[in-house]
Amino acid sequence: MELGVEIVTAHGLKAYDGSEALLTCGFTGRERRIAADSLVLVTARQPNDALYLALSERMDANADNALPKTLRRIGDCEAPAIIAAAVYSGHRYARELDAPESNRPEVPHDRVFDDTV
């Protein structure tokens, strides 16, 4: 801050053109523009499991016969992490595809922010 760095909280990035960022306040919706030659994005590390949940509901309802026999969360759907962890998650899933659940060791992941608590 002593070097003139401004910390902006509770705003979302709406647009960026390479020299100026358009921010929107999360509380008021007011927009403001700030000069910015570059951006450092720090985003919420929340899983995106919408597809998993939709498929799970269809499987539970037995909507049609084209559904997969098994459904499992992997990668960022399970727990957002670095790209190497997502690649490993896919590789591991393929190796363990036919293995029983009880033989799958637990793999530690980054903590996921849970705003429902």
PDB file of N, CA and C in Angstrom:
ATOM      1  N   MET A   1       0.825  -1.181   0.000  1.00  0.00           N
ATOM      2  CA  MET A   1       0.000   0.000   0.000  1.00  0.00           C
ATOM      3  C   MET A   1       0.874   1.251   0.000  1.00  0.00           C
ATOM      4  N   GLU A   2       2.014   1.163   0.670  1.00  0.00           N
ATOM      5  CA  GLU A   2       2.930   2.306   0.695  1.00  0.00           C
ATOM      6  C   GLU A   2       3.489   2.596  -0.693  1.00  0.00           C
ATOM      7  N   LEU A   3       3.445   1.627  -1.586  1.00  0.00           N
ATOM      8  CA  LEU A   3       3.931   1.811  -2.951  1.00  0.00           C
ATOM      9  C   LEU A   3       2.814   2.217  -3.907  1.00  0.00           C
ATOM     10  N   GLY A   4       1.625   2.460  -3.367  1.00  0.00           N
ATOM     11  CA  GLY A   4       0.526   2.903  -4.205  1.00  0.00           C
ATOM     12  C   GLY A   4      -0.362   1.789  -4.732  1.00  0.00           C
ATOM     13  N   VAL A   5      -0.202   0.594  -4.199  1.00  0.00           N
ATOM     14  CA  VAL A   5      -1.041  -0.522  -4.620  1.00  0.00           C
ATOM     15  C   VAL A   5      -2.400  -0.383  -3.943  1.00  0.00           C
ATOM     16  N   GLU A   6      -3.450  -0.434  -4.742  1.00  0.00           N
ATOM     17  CA  GLU A   6      -4.803  -0.332  -4.204  1.00  0.00           C
ATOM     18  C   GLU A   6      -5.403  -1.733  -4.116  1.00  0.00           C
ATOM     19  N   ILE A   7      -5.949  -2.067  -2.968  1.00  0.00           N
ATOM     20  CA  ILE A   7      -6.619  -3.350  -2.784  1.00  0.00           C
ATOM     21  C   ILE A   7      -8.113  -3.126  -2.945  1.00  0.00           C
ATOM     22  N   VAL A   8      -8.706  -3.813  -3.890  1.00  0.00           N
ATOM     23  CA  VAL A   8     -10.129  -3.671  -4.172  1.00  0.00           C
ATOM     24  C   VAL A   8     -10.810  -4.984  -3.809  1.00  0.00           C
ATOM     25  N   THR A   9     -11.760  -4.931  -2.886  1.00  0.00           N
ATOM     26  CA  THR A   9     -12.484  -6.131  -2.480  1.00  0.00           C
ATOM     27  C   THR A   9     -13.960  -6.002  -2.827  1.00  0.00           C
ATOM     28  N   ALA A  10     -14.657  -7.114  -2.771  1.00  0.00           N
ATOM     29  CA  ALA A  10     -16.105  -7.169  -2.999  1.00  0.00           C
ATOM     30  C   ALA A  10     -16.512  -6.631  -4.364  1.00  0.00           C
ATOM     31  N   HIS A  11     -15.652  -6.802  -5.349  1.00  0.00           N
ATOM     32  CA  HIS A  11     -15.943  -6.385  -6.717  1.00  0.00           C
ATOM     33  C   HIS A  11     -15.706  -7.564  -7.659  1.00  0.00           C
ATOM     34  N   GLY A  12     -16.459  -7.594  -8.725  1.00  0.00           N
ATOM     35  CA  GLY A  12     -16.255  -8.590  -9.763  1.00  0.00           C
ATOM     36  C   GLY A  12     -15.717  -7.928 -11.010  1.00  0.00           C
ATOM     37  N   LEU A  13     -14.898  -8.654 -11.737  1.00  0.00           N
ATOM     38  CA  LEU A  13     -14.352  -8.148 -12.995  1.00  0.00           C
ATOM     39  C   LEU A  13     -15.384  -8.362 -14.080  1.00  0.00           C
ATOM     40  N   LYS A  14     -15.834  -7.281 -14.685  1.00  0.00           N
ATOM     41  CA  LYS A  14     -16.842  -7.363 -15.746  1.00  0.00           C
ATOM     42  C   LYS A  14     -16.195  -7.349 -17.122  1.00  0.00           C
ATOM     43  N   ALA A  15     -15.130  -6.564 -17.273  1.00  0.00           N
ATOM     44  CA  ALA A  15     -14.456  -6.473 -18.573  1.00  0.00           C
ATOM     45  C   ALA A  15     -13.019  -6.015 -18.356  1.00  0.00           C
ATOM     46  N   TYR A  16     -12.178  -6.374 -19.321  1.00  0.00           N
ATOM     47  CA  TYR A  16     -10.779  -5.936 -19.304  1.00  0.00           C
ATOM     48  C   TYR A  16     -10.311  -5.808 -20.739  1.00  0.00           C
ATOM     49  N   ASP A  17      -9.736  -4.650 -21.085  1.00  0.00           N
ATOM     50  CA  ASP A  17      -9.318  -4.408 -22.472  1.00  0.00           C
ATOM     51  C   ASP A  17      -7.804  -4.343 -22.645  1.00  0.00           C
ATOM     52  N   GLY A  18      -7.057  -4.722 -21.616  1.00  0.00           N
ATOM     53  CA  GLY A  18      -5.603  -4.684 -21.699  1.00  0.00           C
ATOM     54  C   GLY A  18      -4.993  -3.466 -21.042  1.00  0.00           C
ATOM     55  N   SER A  19      -5.794  -2.449 -20.785  1.00  0.00           N
ATOM     56  CA  SER A  19      -5.275  -1.260 -20.110  1.00  0.00           C
ATOM     57  C   SER A  19      -6.232  -0.731 -19.051  1.00  0.00           C
ATOM     58  N   GLU A  20      -7.474  -1.211 -19.077  1.00  0.00           N
ATOM     59  CA  GLU A  20      -8.459  -0.733 -18.121  1.00  0.00           C
ATOM     60  C   GLU A  20      -9.387  -1.886 -17.725  1.00  0.00           C
ATOM     61  N   ALA A  21      -9.679  -1.955 -16.427  1.00  0.00           N
ATOM     62  CA  ALA A  21     -10.593  -2.976 -15.922  1.00  0.00           C
ATOM     63  C   ALA A  21     -11.910  -2.319 -15.527  1.00  0.00           C
ATOM     64  N   LEU A  22     -13.002  -2.971 -15.865  1.00  0.00           N
ATOM     65  CA  LEU A  22     -14.318  -2.519 -15.455  1.00  0.00           C
ATOM     66  C   LEU A  22     -14.767  -3.443 -14.329  1.00  0.00           C
ATOM     67  N   LEU A  23     -14.945  -2.857 -13.141  1.00  0.00           N
ATOM     68  CA  LEU A  23     -15.325  -3.624 -11.958  1.00  0.00           C
ATOM     69  C   LEU A  23     -16.752  -3.306 -11.549  1.00  0.00           C
ATOM     70  N   THR A  24     -17.425  -4.309 -10.973  1.00  0.00           N
ATOM     71  CA  THR A  24     -18.780  -4.127 -10.473  1.00  0.00           C
ATOM     72  C   THR A  24     -18.802  -4.464  -9.000  1.00  0.00           C
ATOM     73  N   CYS A  25     -19.342  -3.563  -8.185  1.00  0.00           N
ATOM     74  CA  CYS A  25     -19.445  -3.778  -6.748  1.00  0.00           C
ATOM     75  C   CYS A  25     -20.447  -4.897  -6.475  1.00  0.00           C
ATOM     76  N   GLY A  26     -20.060  -5.836  -5.635  1.00  0.00           N
ATOM     77  CA  GLY A  26     -20.923  -6.954  -5.294  1.00  0.00           C
ATOM     78  C   GLY A  26     -22.097  -6.569  -4.420  1.00  0.00           C
ATOM     79  N   PHE A  27     -22.048  -5.418  -3.802  1.00  0.00           N
ATOM     80  CA  PHE A  27     -23.123  -4.981  -2.917  1.00  0.00           C
ATOM     81  C   PHE A  27     -24.091  -4.014  -3.604  1.00  0.00           C
ATOM     82  N   THR A  28     -23.539  -3.049  -4.318  1.00  0.00           N
ATOM     83  CA  THR A  28     -24.381  -1.999  -4.901  1.00  0.00           C
ATOM     84  C   THR A  28     -24.629  -2.174  -6.390  1.00  0.00           C
ATOM     85  N   GLY A  29     -23.774  -2.932  -7.059  1.00  0.00           N
ATOM     86  CA  GLY A  29     -23.889  -3.083  -8.503  1.00  0.00           C
ATOM     87  C   GLY A  29     -23.256  -1.941  -9.276  1.00  0.00           C
ATOM     88  N   ARG A  30     -22.749  -0.925  -8.557  1.00  0.00           N
ATOM     89  CA  ARG A  30     -22.103   0.208  -9.238  1.00  0.00           C
ATOM     90  C   ARG A  30     -20.830  -0.247  -9.941  1.00  0.00           C
ATOM     91  N   GLU A  31     -20.595   0.325 -11.093  1.00  0.00           N
ATOM     92  CA  GLU A  31     -19.405   0.004 -11.862  1.00  0.00           C
ATOM     93  C   GLU A  31     -18.355   1.081 -11.683  1.00  0.00           C
ATOM     94  N   ARG A  32     -17.106   0.662 -11.763  1.00  0.00           N
ATOM     95  CA  ARG A  32     -15.995   1.619 -11.728  1.00  0.00           C
ATOM     96  C   ARG A  32     -14.889   1.105 -12.621  1.00  0.00           C
ATOM     97  N   ARG A  33     -14.186   2.045 -13.236  1.00  0.00           N
ATOM     98  CA  ARG A  33     -13.072   1.700 -14.124  1.00  0.00           C
ATOM     99  C   ARG A  33     -11.768   2.054 -13.428  1.00  0.00           C
ATOM    100  N   ILE A  34     -10.782   1.176 -13.578  1.00  0.00           N
ATOM    101  CA  ILE A  34      -9.453   1.472 -13.039  1.00  0.00           C
ATOM    102  C   ILE A  34      -8.412   1.103 -14.091  1.00  0.00           C
ATOM    103  N   ALA A  35      -7.361   1.898 -14.158  1.00  0.00           N
ATOM    104  CA  ALA A  35      -6.253   1.608 -15.069  1.00  0.00           C
ATOM    105  C   ALA A  35      -5.542   0.356 -14.583  1.00  0.00           C
ATOM    106  N   ALA A  36      -5.248  -0.546 -15.503  1.00  0.00           N
ATOM    107  CA  ALA A  36      -4.573  -1.794 -15.136  1.00  0.00           C
ATOM    108  C   ALA A  36      -3.841  -2.344 -16.352  1.00  0.00           C
ATOM    109  N   ASP A  37      -2.511  -2.400 -16.259  1.00  0.00           N
ATOM    110  CA  ASP A  37      -1.732  -2.982 -17.346  1.00  0.00           C
ATOM    111  C   ASP A  37      -1.750  -4.503 -17.305  1.00  0.00           C
ATOM    112  N   SER A  38      -2.061  -5.075 -16.135  1.00  0.00           N
ATOM    113  CA  SER A  38      -2.140  -6.527 -16.007  1.00  0.00           C
ATOM    114  C   SER A  38      -3.101  -6.862 -14.870  1.00  0.00           C
ATOM    115  N   LEU A  39      -3.509  -8.124 -14.828  1.00  0.00           N
ATOM    116  CA  LEU A  39      -4.435  -8.590 -13.806  1.00  0.00           C
ATOM    117  C   LEU A  39      -3.853  -9.789 -13.083  1.00  0.00           C
ATOM    118  N   VAL A  40      -4.102  -9.888 -11.810  1.00  0.00           N
ATOM    119  CA  VAL A  40      -3.816 -11.087 -11.027  1.00  0.00           C
ATOM    120  C   VAL A  40      -5.163 -11.523 -10.463  1.00  0.00           C
ATOM    121  N   LEU A  41      -5.680 -12.635 -10.965  1.00  0.00           N
ATOM    122  CA  LEU A  41      -6.996 -13.091 -10.545  1.00  0.00           C
ATOM    123  C   LEU A  41      -6.874 -14.091  -9.403  1.00  0.00           C
ATOM    124  N   VAL A  42      -7.552 -13.818  -8.338  1.00  0.00           N
ATOM    125  CA  VAL A  42      -7.650 -14.737  -7.214  1.00  0.00           C
ATOM    126  C   VAL A  42      -9.133 -15.046  -7.082  1.00  0.00           C
ATOM    127  N   THR A  43      -9.494 -16.244  -7.472  1.00  0.00           N
ATOM    128  CA  THR A  43     -10.905 -16.590  -7.532  1.00  0.00           C
ATOM    129  C   THR A  43     -11.252 -17.625  -6.475  1.00  0.00           C
ATOM    130  N   ALA A  44     -12.529 -17.777  -6.235  1.00  0.00           N
ATOM    131  CA  ALA A  44     -12.996 -18.793  -5.301  1.00  0.00           C
ATOM    132  C   ALA A  44     -12.683 -20.168  -5.864  1.00  0.00           C
ATOM    133  N   ARG A  45     -12.189 -21.037  -5.031  1.00  0.00           N
ATOM    134  CA  ARG A  45     -11.853 -22.386  -5.455  1.00  0.00           C
ATOM    135  C   ARG A  45     -13.015 -23.298  -5.085  1.00  0.00           C
ATOM    136  N   GLN A  46     -14.073 -23.166  -5.844  1.00  0.00           N
ATOM    137  CA  GLN A  46     -15.270 -23.948  -5.589  1.00  0.00           C
ATOM    138  C   GLN A  46     -15.437 -24.972  -6.708  1.00  0.00           C
ATOM    139  N   PRO A  47     -15.860 -26.172  -6.352  1.00  0.00           N
ATOM    140  CA  PRO A  47     -16.059 -27.168  -7.402  1.00  0.00           C
ATOM    141  C   PRO A  47     -17.219 -26.776  -8.316  1.00  0.00           C
ATOM    142  N   ASN A  48     -17.102 -27.148  -9.575  1.00  0.00           N
ATOM    143  CA  ASN A  48     -18.190 -26.933 -10.524  1.00  0.00           C
ATOM    144  C   ASN A  48     -18.756 -28.317 -10.844  1.00  0.00           C
ATOM    145  N   ASP A  49     -19.797 -28.702 -10.122  1.00  0.00           N
ATOM    146  CA  ASP A  49     -20.333 -30.046 -10.275  1.00  0.00           C
ATOM    147  C   ASP A  49     -21.746 -30.068 -10.863  1.00  0.00           C
ATOM    148  N   ALA A  50     -22.117 -29.033 -11.598  1.00  0.00           N
ATOM    149  CA  ALA A  50     -23.459 -28.943 -12.178  1.00  0.00           C
ATOM    150  C   ALA A  50     -23.749 -30.117 -13.120  1.00  0.00           C
ATOM    151  N   LEU A  51     -22.792 -30.476 -13.970  1.00  0.00           N
ATOM    152  CA  LEU A  51     -23.002 -31.598 -14.892  1.00  0.00           C
ATOM    153  C   LEU A  51     -23.151 -32.902 -14.113  1.00  0.00           C
ATOM    154  N   TYR A  52     -22.294 -33.102 -13.134  1.00  0.00           N
ATOM    155  CA  TYR A  52     -22.380 -34.307 -12.306  1.00  0.00           C
ATOM    156  C   TYR A  52     -23.759 -34.421 -11.650  1.00  0.00           C
ATOM    157  N   LEU A  53     -24.232 -33.319 -11.065  1.00  0.00           N
ATOM    158  CA  LEU A  53     -25.526 -33.342 -10.385  1.00  0.00           C
ATOM    159  C   LEU A  53     -26.671 -33.616 -11.360  1.00  0.00           C
ATOM    160  N   ALA A  54     -26.607 -33.026 -12.543  1.00  0.00           N
ATOM    161  CA  ALA A  54     -27.650 -33.257 -13.546  1.00  0.00           C
ATOM    162  C   ALA A  54     -27.669 -34.718 -13.986  1.00  0.00           C
ATOM    163  N   LEU A  55     -26.494 -35.290 -14.242  1.00  0.00           N
ATOM    164  CA  LEU A  55     -26.426 -36.693 -14.639  1.00  0.00           C
ATOM    165  C   LEU A  55     -26.867 -37.607 -13.506  1.00  0.00           C
ATOM    166  N   SER A  56     -26.496 -37.255 -12.301  1.00  0.00           N
ATOM    167  CA  SER A  56     -26.884 -38.042 -11.133  1.00  0.00           C
ATOM    168  C   SER A  56     -28.409 -38.080 -10.973  1.00  0.00           C
ATOM    169  N   GLU A  57     -29.044 -36.940 -11.169  1.00  0.00           N
ATOM    170  CA  GLU A  57     -30.508 -36.886 -11.088  1.00  0.00           C
ATOM    171  C   GLU A  57     -31.143 -37.756 -12.164  1.00  0.00           C
ATOM    172  N   ARG A  58     -30.591 -37.710 -13.370  1.00  0.00           N
ATOM    173  CA  ARG A  58     -31.142 -38.529 -14.461  1.00  0.00           C
ATOM    174  C   ARG A  58     -30.943 -40.009 -14.176  1.00  0.00           C
ATOM    175  N   MET A  59     -29.799 -40.363 -13.603  1.00  0.00           N
ATOM    176  CA  MET A  59     -29.564 -41.767 -13.259  1.00  0.00           C
ATOM    177  C   MET A  59     -30.546 -42.221 -12.187  1.00  0.00           C
ATOM    178  N   ASP A  60     -30.761 -41.372 -11.188  1.00  0.00           N
ATOM    179  CA  ASP A  60     -31.696 -41.717 -10.119  1.00  0.00           C
ATOM    180  C   ASP A  60     -33.110 -41.889 -10.656  1.00  0.00           C
ATOM    181  N   ALA A  61     -33.461 -41.076 -11.621  1.00  0.00           N
ATOM    182  CA  ALA A  61     -34.804 -41.146 -12.200  1.00  0.00           C
ATOM    183  C   ALA A  61     -34.905 -42.214 -13.285  1.00  0.00           C
ATOM    184  N   ASN A  62     -33.751 -42.787 -13.668  1.00  0.00           N
ATOM    185  CA  ASN A  62     -33.696 -43.782 -14.740  1.00  0.00           C
ATOM    186  C   ASN A  62     -34.399 -43.250 -15.989  1.00  0.00           C
ATOM    187  N   ALA A  63     -34.038 -42.019 -16.355  1.00  0.00           N
ATOM    188  CA  ALA A  63     -34.703 -41.311 -17.451  1.00  0.00           C
ATOM    189  C   ALA A  63     -34.597 -42.027 -18.791  1.00  0.00           C
ATOM    190  N   ASP A  64     -33.444 -42.617 -19.089  1.00  0.00           N
ATOM    191  CA  ASP A  64     -33.303 -43.355 -20.350  1.00  0.00           C
ATOM    192  C   ASP A  64     -32.193 -44.381 -20.206  1.00  0.00           C
ATOM    193  N   ASN A  65     -32.029 -45.220 -21.195  1.00  0.00           N
ATOM    194  CA  ASN A  65     -31.029 -46.294 -21.128  1.00  0.00           C
ATOM    195  C   ASN A  65     -29.647 -45.858 -21.597  1.00  0.00           C
ATOM    196  N   ALA A  66     -29.487 -44.620 -22.022  1.00  0.00           N
ATOM    197  CA  ALA A  66     -28.210 -44.162 -22.561  1.00  0.00           C
ATOM    198  C   ALA A  66     -27.276 -43.638 -21.478  1.00  0.00           C
ATOM    199  N   LEU A  67     -27.684 -43.725 -20.238  1.00  0.00           N
ATOM    200  CA  LEU A  67     -26.878 -43.183 -19.151  1.00  0.00           C
ATOM    201  C   LEU A  67     -25.703 -44.103 -18.811  1.00  0.00           C
ATOM    202  N   PRO A  68     -24.644 -43.559 -18.243  1.00  0.00           N
ATOM    203  CA  PRO A  68     -23.505 -44.403 -17.847  1.00  0.00           C
ATOM    204  C   PRO A  68     -23.894 -45.319 -16.684  1.00  0.00           C
ATOM    205  N   LYS A  69     -23.162 -46.426 -16.543  1.00  0.00           N
ATOM    206  CA  LYS A  69     -23.425 -47.356 -15.438  1.00  0.00           C
ATOM    207  C   LYS A  69     -22.883 -46.822 -14.119  1.00  0.00           C
ATOM    208  N   THR A  70     -21.819 -46.027 -14.206  1.00  0.00           N
ATOM    209  CA  THR A  70     -21.240 -45.426 -13.002  1.00  0.00           C
ATOM    210  C   THR A  70     -21.023 -43.937 -13.242  1.00  0.00           C
ATOM    211  N   LEU A  71     -20.979 -43.208 -12.166  1.00  0.00           N
ATOM    212  CA  LEU A  71     -20.757 -41.769 -12.248  1.00  0.00           C
ATOM    213  C   LEU A  71     -19.899 -41.378 -11.060  1.00  0.00           C
ATOM    214  N   ARG A  72     -18.820 -40.664 -11.328  1.00  0.00           N
ATOM    215  CA  ARG A  72     -17.903 -40.292 -10.257  1.00  0.00           C
ATOM    216  C   ARG A  72     -17.361 -38.896 -10.513  1.00  0.00           C
ATOM    217  N   ARG A  73     -17.194 -38.127  -9.439  1.00  0.00           N
ATOM    218  CA  ARG A  73     -16.592 -36.790  -9.549  1.00  0.00           C
ATOM    219  C   ARG A  73     -15.078 -36.935  -9.580  1.00  0.00           C
ATOM    220  N   ILE A  74     -14.441 -36.191 -10.491  1.00  0.00           N
ATOM    221  CA  ILE A  74     -12.981 -36.149 -10.528  1.00  0.00           C
ATOM    222  C   ILE A  74     -12.558 -34.728 -10.866  1.00  0.00           C
ATOM    223  N   GLY A  75     -11.287 -34.436 -10.706  1.00  0.00           N
ATOM    224  CA  GLY A  75     -10.728 -33.134 -11.076  1.00  0.00           C
ATOM    225  C   GLY A  75     -11.393 -31.985 -10.337  1.00  0.00           C
ATOM    226  N   ASP A  76     -11.597 -30.886 -11.040  1.00  0.00           N
ATOM    227  CA  ASP A  76     -12.161 -29.693 -10.422  1.00  0.00           C
ATOM    228  C   ASP A  76     -13.610 -29.873  -9.999  1.00  0.00           C
ATOM    229  N   CYS A  77     -14.292 -30.868 -10.547  1.00  0.00           N
ATOM    230  CA  CYS A  77     -15.665 -31.154 -10.109  1.00  0.00           C
ATOM    231  C   CYS A  77     -15.652 -31.594  -8.651  1.00  0.00           C
ATOM    232  N   GLU A  78     -14.607 -32.316  -8.278  1.00  0.00           N
ATOM    233  CA  GLU A  78     -14.494 -32.815  -6.903  1.00  0.00           C
ATOM    234  C   GLU A  78     -13.862 -31.779  -5.984  1.00  0.00           C
ATOM    235  N   ALA A  79     -12.715 -31.256  -6.393  1.00  0.00           N
ATOM    236  CA  ALA A  79     -12.000 -30.281  -5.574  1.00  0.00           C
ATOM    237  C   ALA A  79     -11.020 -29.511  -6.451  1.00  0.00           C
ATOM    238  N   PRO A  80     -11.263 -28.227  -6.699  1.00  0.00           N
ATOM    239  CA  PRO A  80     -10.345 -27.436  -7.515  1.00  0.00           C
ATOM    240  C   PRO A  80      -8.917 -27.466  -6.976  1.00  0.00           C
ATOM    241  N   ALA A  81      -7.974 -27.623  -7.881  1.00  0.00           N
ATOM    242  CA  ALA A  81      -6.556 -27.694  -7.502  1.00  0.00           C
ATOM    243  C   ALA A  81      -5.735 -27.250  -8.708  1.00  0.00           C
ATOM    244  N   ILE A  82      -4.450 -27.509  -8.678  1.00  0.00           N
ATOM    245  CA  ILE A  82      -3.589 -27.156  -9.807  1.00  0.00           C
ATOM    246  C   ILE A  82      -3.859 -28.096 -10.974  1.00  0.00           C
ATOM    247  N   ILE A  83      -3.472 -27.709 -12.179  1.00  0.00           N
ATOM    248  CA  ILE A  83      -3.750 -28.487 -13.385  1.00  0.00           C
ATOM    249  C   ILE A  83      -3.159 -29.889 -13.291  1.00  0.00           C
ATOM    250  N   ALA A  84      -1.997 -30.030 -12.677  1.00  0.00           N
ATOM    251  CA  ALA A  84      -1.384 -31.354 -12.541  1.00  0.00           C
ATOM    252  C   ALA A  84      -2.283 -32.288 -11.736  1.00  0.00           C
ATOM    253  N   ALA A  85      -2.962 -31.769 -10.724  1.00  0.00           N
ATOM    254  CA  ALA A  85      -3.863 -32.594  -9.918  1.00  0.00           C
ATOM    255  C   ALA A  85      -5.070 -33.033 -10.742  1.00  0.00           C
ATOM    256  N   ALA A  86      -5.578 -32.159 -11.601  1.00  0.00           N
ATOM    257  CA  ALA A  86      -6.711 -32.514 -12.450  1.00  0.00           C
ATOM    258  C   ALA A  86      -6.317 -33.595 -13.450  1.00  0.00           C
ATOM    259  N   VAL A  87      -5.123 -33.473 -14.042  1.00  0.00           N
ATOM    260  CA  VAL A  87      -4.641 -34.479 -14.992  1.00  0.00           C
ATOM    261  C   VAL A  87      -4.454 -35.809 -14.276  1.00  0.00           C
ATOM    262  N   TYR A  88      -3.852 -35.768 -13.090  1.00  0.00           N
ATOM    263  CA  TYR A  88      -3.657 -36.990 -12.318  1.00  0.00           C
ATOM    264  C   TYR A  88      -4.995 -37.625 -11.963  1.00  0.00           C
ATOM    265  N   SER A  89      -5.969 -36.805 -11.604  1.00  0.00           N
ATOM    266  CA  SER A  89      -7.292 -37.313 -11.247  1.00  0.00           C
ATOM    267  C   SER A  89      -7.905 -38.098 -12.401  1.00  0.00           C
ATOM    268  N   GLY A  90      -7.795 -37.584 -13.627  1.00  0.00           N
ATOM    269  CA  GLY A  90      -8.306 -38.289 -14.799  1.00  0.00           C
ATOM    270  C   GLY A  90      -7.549 -39.574 -15.061  1.00  0.00           C
ATOM    271  N   HIS A  91      -6.225 -39.519 -14.934  1.00  0.00           N
ATOM    272  CA  HIS A  91      -5.387 -40.704 -15.133  1.00  0.00           C
ATOM    273  C   HIS A  91      -5.732 -41.768 -14.092  1.00  0.00           C
ATOM    274  N   ARG A  92      -5.849 -41.359 -12.850  1.00  0.00           N
ATOM    275  CA  ARG A  92      -6.165 -42.287 -11.757  1.00  0.00           C
ATOM    276  C   ARG A  92      -7.542 -42.907 -11.969  1.00  0.00           C
ATOM    277  N   TYR A  93      -8.505 -42.100 -12.379  1.00  0.00           N
ATOM    278  CA  TYR A  93      -9.847 -42.628 -12.619  1.00  0.00           C
ATOM    279  C   TYR A  93      -9.806 -43.737 -13.674  1.00  0.00           C
ATOM    280  N   ALA A  94      -9.072 -43.495 -14.749  1.00  0.00           N
ATOM    281  CA  ALA A  94      -8.972 -44.501 -15.808  1.00  0.00           C
ATOM    282  C   ALA A  94      -8.337 -45.787 -15.290  1.00  0.00           C
ATOM    283  N   ARG A  95      -7.308 -45.677 -14.461  1.00  0.00           N
ATOM    284  CA  ARG A  95      -6.649 -46.877 -13.902  1.00  0.00           C
ATOM    285  C   ARG A  95      -7.566 -47.647 -12.972  1.00  0.00           C
ATOM    286  N   GLU A  96      -8.411 -46.933 -12.222  1.00  0.00           N
ATOM    287  CA  GLU A  96      -9.251 -47.566 -11.204  1.00  0.00           C
ATOM    288  C   GLU A  96     -10.686 -47.801 -11.677  1.00  0.00           C
ATOM    289  N   LEU A  97     -10.932 -47.674 -12.957  1.00  0.00           N
ATOM    290  CA  LEU A  97     -12.292 -47.718 -13.486  1.00  0.00           C
ATOM    291  C   LEU A  97     -13.075 -48.949 -13.024  1.00  0.00           C
ATOM    292  N   ASP A  98     -12.466 -50.113 -13.050  1.00  0.00           N
ATOM    293  CA  ASP A  98     -13.178 -51.336 -12.678  1.00  0.00           C
ATOM    294  C   ASP A  98     -12.895 -51.794 -11.248  1.00  0.00           C
ATOM    295  N   ALA A  99     -12.118 -51.036 -10.503  1.00  0.00           N
ATOM    296  CA  ALA A  99     -11.787 -51.423  -9.120  1.00  0.00           C
ATOM    297  C   ALA A  99     -12.947 -51.101  -8.186  1.00  0.00           C
ATOM    298  N   PRO A 100     -13.175 -51.953  -7.183  1.00  0.00           N
ATOM    299  CA  PRO A 100     -14.229 -51.650  -6.204  1.00  0.00           C
ATOM    300  C   PRO A 100     -13.891 -50.401  -5.403  1.00  0.00           C
ATOM    301  N   GLU A 101     -14.913 -49.673  -4.983  1.00  0.00           N
ATOM    302  CA  GLU A 101     -14.725 -48.442  -4.197  1.00  0.00           C
ATOM    303  C   GLU A 101     -13.831 -48.667  -2.989  1.00  0.00           C
ATOM    304  N   SER A 102     -13.963 -49.807  -2.323  1.00  0.00           N
ATOM    305  CA  SER A 102     -13.219 -50.067  -1.090  1.00  0.00           C
ATOM    306  C   SER A 102     -11.716 -50.154  -1.308  1.00  0.00           C
ATOM    307  N   ASN A 103     -11.274 -50.379  -2.542  1.00  0.00           N
ATOM    308  CA  ASN A 103      -9.837 -50.484  -2.831  1.00  0.00           C
ATOM    309  C   ASN A 103      -9.212 -49.177  -3.287  1.00  0.00           C
ATOM    310  N   ARG A 104      -9.987 -48.086  -3.303  1.00  0.00           N
ATOM    311  CA  ARG A 104      -9.467 -46.806  -3.768  1.00  0.00           C
ATOM    312  C   ARG A 104      -8.967 -45.991  -2.593  1.00  0.00           C
ATOM    313  N   PRO A 105      -7.659 -45.717  -2.535  1.00  0.00           N
ATOM    314  CA  PRO A 105      -7.143 -44.907  -1.429  1.00  0.00           C
ATOM    315  C   PRO A 105      -7.602 -43.452  -1.541  1.00  0.00           C
ATOM    316  N   GLU A 106      -7.774 -42.811  -0.403  1.00  0.00           N
ATOM    317  CA  GLU A 106      -8.161 -41.392  -0.364  1.00  0.00           C
ATOM    318  C   GLU A 106      -6.972 -40.535  -0.770  1.00  0.00           C
ATOM    319  N   VAL A 107      -7.188 -39.596  -1.676  1.00  0.00           N
ATOM    320  CA  VAL A 107      -6.135 -38.686  -2.130  1.00  0.00           C
ATOM    321  C   VAL A 107      -6.431 -37.307  -1.558  1.00  0.00           C
ATOM    322  N   PRO A 108      -5.456 -36.693  -0.876  1.00  0.00           N
ATOM    323  CA  PRO A 108      -5.707 -35.356  -0.316  1.00  0.00           C
ATOM    324  C   PRO A 108      -5.827 -34.303  -1.412  1.00  0.00           C
ATOM    325  N   HIS A 109      -6.701 -33.324  -1.203  1.00  0.00           N
ATOM    326  CA  HIS A 109      -6.909 -32.213  -2.134  1.00  0.00           C
ATOM    327  C   HIS A 109      -6.836 -30.912  -1.365  1.00  0.00           C
ATOM    328  N   ASP A 110      -6.757 -29.823  -2.119  1.00  0.00           N
ATOM    329  CA  ASP A 110      -6.869 -28.508  -1.508  1.00  0.00           C
ATOM    330  C   ASP A 110      -8.214 -28.415  -0.810  1.00  0.00           C
ATOM    331  N   ARG A 111      -8.273 -27.610   0.227  1.00  0.00           N
ATOM    332  CA  ARG A 111      -9.550 -27.381   0.885  1.00  0.00           C
ATOM    333  C   ARG A 111     -10.436 -26.547  -0.030  1.00  0.00           C
ATOM    334  N   VAL A 112     -11.686 -26.887  -0.077  1.00  0.00           N
ATOM    335  CA  VAL A 112     -12.649 -26.184  -0.899  1.00  0.00           C
ATOM    336  C   VAL A 112     -13.487 -25.284  -0.007  1.00  0.00           C
ATOM    337  N   PHE A 113     -13.634 -24.028  -0.415  1.00  0.00           N
ATOM    338  CA  PHE A 113     -14.448 -23.078   0.330  1.00  0.00           C
ATOM    339  C   PHE A 113     -15.898 -23.512   0.252  1.00  0.00           C
ATOM    340  N   ASP A 114     -16.540 -23.600   1.392  1.00  0.00           N
ATOM    341  CA  ASP A 114     -17.947 -23.980   1.442  1.00  0.00           C
ATOM    342  C   ASP A 114     -18.730 -22.842   2.062  1.00  0.00           C
ATOM    343  N   ASP A 115     -19.450 -22.097   1.223  1.00  0.00           N
ATOM    344  CA  ASP A 115     -20.176 -20.931   1.731  1.00  0.00           C
ATOM    345  C   ASP A 115     -21.552 -21.293   2.300  1.00  0.00           C
ATOM    346  N   THR A 116     -21.847 -22.606   2.377  1.00  0.00           N
ATOM    347  CA  THR A 116     -23.124 -23.016   2.943  1.00  0.00           C
ATOM    348  C   THR A 116     -23.032 -23.224   4.452  1.00  0.00           C
ATOM    349  N   VAL A 117     -21.824 -23.199   4.984  1.00  0.00           N
ATOM    350  CA  VAL A 117     -21.630 -23.437   6.421  1.00  0.00           C
ATOM    351  C   VAL A 117     -21.827 -22.170   7.193  1.00  0.00           C
TER     352      VAL A 117
END
